[in-house]
Amino acid sequence: MMEDRIASLRDYLRADPDTFQREVAEGCLKAAMAYLDNADVKESDSDEYALCLNMLAGHWYLNRGVS
């Protein structure tokens, strides 16, 4: 299941498979899932849940630098 979510995130970000950092993406996805769970949004197979995960994890993946 996580592999599917990582592939979905990579596609959502239109990331180059050669430079995509899988471990970072997995961490962002796990954090997004925990964030949603804490907001009482239960994990599901819906398109809306997948989009929300990709939006949150994608934002965190792309903005992970310290500024």
C-alpha atoms as a PDB file:
ATOM      1  CA  MET A   1       0.000   0.000   0.000  1.00  0.00           C
ATOM      2  CA  MET A   2       2.771   2.462   0.892  1.00  0.00           C
ATOM      3  CA  GLU A   3       4.538   1.719  -2.398  1.00  0.00           C
ATOM      4  CA  ASP A   4       1.353   2.703  -4.256  1.00  0.00           C
ATOM      5  CA  ARG A   5       1.087   5.911  -2.251  1.00  0.00           C
ATOM      6  CA  ILE A   6       4.745   6.763  -2.956  1.00  0.00           C
ATOM      7  CA  ALA A   7       4.240   6.166  -6.674  1.00  0.00           C
ATOM      8  CA  SER A   8       1.097   8.313  -6.572  1.00  0.00           C
ATOM      9  CA  LEU A   9       3.002  11.127  -4.848  1.00  0.00           C
ATOM     10  CA  ARG A  10       5.847  10.911  -7.373  1.00  0.00           C
ATOM     11  CA  ASP A  11       3.336  11.164 -10.214  1.00  0.00           C
ATOM     12  CA  TYR A  12       1.462  13.987  -8.488  1.00  0.00           C
ATOM     13  CA  LEU A  13       4.707  15.960  -8.154  1.00  0.00           C
ATOM     14  CA  ARG A  14       5.808  15.023 -11.681  1.00  0.00           C
ATOM     15  CA  ALA A  15       9.138  14.137 -10.122  1.00  0.00           C
ATOM     16  CA  ASP A  16      12.041  12.652 -12.039  1.00  0.00           C
ATOM     17  CA  PRO A  17      12.321   9.006 -10.952  1.00  0.00           C
ATOM     18  CA  ASP A  18      16.125   9.329 -10.922  1.00  0.00           C
ATOM     19  CA  THR A  19      16.180  12.211  -8.430  1.00  0.00           C
ATOM     20  CA  PHE A  20      13.031  11.434  -6.419  1.00  0.00           C
ATOM     21  CA  GLN A  21      13.960  10.777  -2.787  1.00  0.00           C
ATOM     22  CA  ARG A  22      11.809   7.830  -1.846  1.00  0.00           C
ATOM     23  CA  GLU A  23      12.716   7.805   1.854  1.00  0.00           C
ATOM     24  CA  VAL A  24      11.907  11.493   2.247  1.00  0.00           C
ATOM     25  CA  ALA A  25       8.623  11.013   0.401  1.00  0.00           C
ATOM     26  CA  GLU A  26       7.701   8.084   2.634  1.00  0.00           C
ATOM     27  CA  GLY A  27       8.371  10.172   5.721  1.00  0.00           C
ATOM     28  CA  CYS A  28       6.226  13.005   4.357  1.00  0.00           C
ATOM     29  CA  LEU A  29       3.410  10.572   3.571  1.00  0.00           C
ATOM     30  CA  LYS A  30       3.533   9.024   7.051  1.00  0.00           C
ATOM     31  CA  ALA A  31       3.473  12.499   8.595  1.00  0.00           C
ATOM     32  CA  ALA A  32       0.505  13.490   6.399  1.00  0.00           C
ATOM     33  CA  MET A  33      -1.359  10.330   7.397  1.00  0.00           C
ATOM     34  CA  ALA A  34      -0.714  11.031  11.090  1.00  0.00           C
ATOM     35  CA  TYR A  35      -1.791  14.649  10.640  1.00  0.00           C
ATOM     36  CA  LEU A  36      -5.067  13.609   9.051  1.00  0.00           C
ATOM     37  CA  ASP A  37      -5.654  10.917  11.675  1.00  0.00           C
ATOM     38  CA  ASN A  38      -5.165  13.496  14.438  1.00  0.00           C
ATOM     39  CA  ALA A  39      -7.742  15.679  12.665  1.00  0.00           C
ATOM     40  CA  ASP A  40     -10.196  12.739  12.842  1.00  0.00           C
ATOM     41  CA  VAL A  41      -9.944  12.067   9.109  1.00  0.00           C
ATOM     42  CA  LYS A  42      -9.834   8.299   8.861  1.00  0.00           C
ATOM     43  CA  GLU A  43      -7.715   6.526   6.268  1.00  0.00           C
ATOM     44  CA  SER A  44      -9.666   5.397   3.241  1.00  0.00           C
ATOM     45  CA  ASP A  45      -9.253   4.376  -0.381  1.00  0.00           C
ATOM     46  CA  SER A  46     -11.199   7.393  -1.635  1.00  0.00           C
ATOM     47  CA  ASP A  47      -9.837   9.717  -4.287  1.00  0.00           C
ATOM     48  CA  GLU A  48     -10.358  12.646  -1.934  1.00  0.00           C
ATOM     49  CA  TYR A  49      -8.182  11.082   0.760  1.00  0.00           C
ATOM     50  CA  ALA A  50      -5.451  10.294  -1.785  1.00  0.00           C
ATOM     51  CA  LEU A  51      -5.542  13.862  -3.093  1.00  0.00           C
ATOM     52  CA  CYS A  52      -5.321  15.265   0.413  1.00  0.00           C
ATOM     53  CA  LEU A  53      -2.334  13.031   1.181  1.00  0.00           C
ATOM     54  CA  ASN A  54      -0.596  14.069  -2.026  1.00  0.00           C
ATOM     55  CA  MET A  55      -1.248  17.751  -1.380  1.00  0.00           C
ATOM     56  CA  LEU A  56       0.061  17.657   2.195  1.00  0.00           C
ATOM     57  CA  ALA A  57       2.986  15.309   1.598  1.00  0.00           C
ATOM     58  CA  GLY A  58       3.870  17.053  -1.670  1.00  0.00           C
ATOM     59  CA  HIS A  59       3.983  20.447   0.020  1.00  0.00           C
ATOM     60  CA  TRP A  60       6.190  19.125   2.793  1.00  0.00           C
ATOM     61  CA  TYR A  61       8.412  17.257   0.321  1.00  0.00           C
ATOM     62  CA  LEU A  62       8.976  20.340  -1.839  1.00  0.00           C
ATOM     63  CA  ASN A  63       9.398  22.759   1.099  1.00  0.00           C
ATOM     64  CA  ARG A  64      11.611  20.724   3.413  1.00  0.00           C
ATOM     65  CA  GLY A  65      14.561  23.096   3.370  1.00  0.00           C
ATOM     66  CA  VAL A  66      15.385  25.425   6.226  1.00  0.00           C
ATOM     67  CA  SER A  67      14.967  29.073   5.399  1.00  0.00           C
END
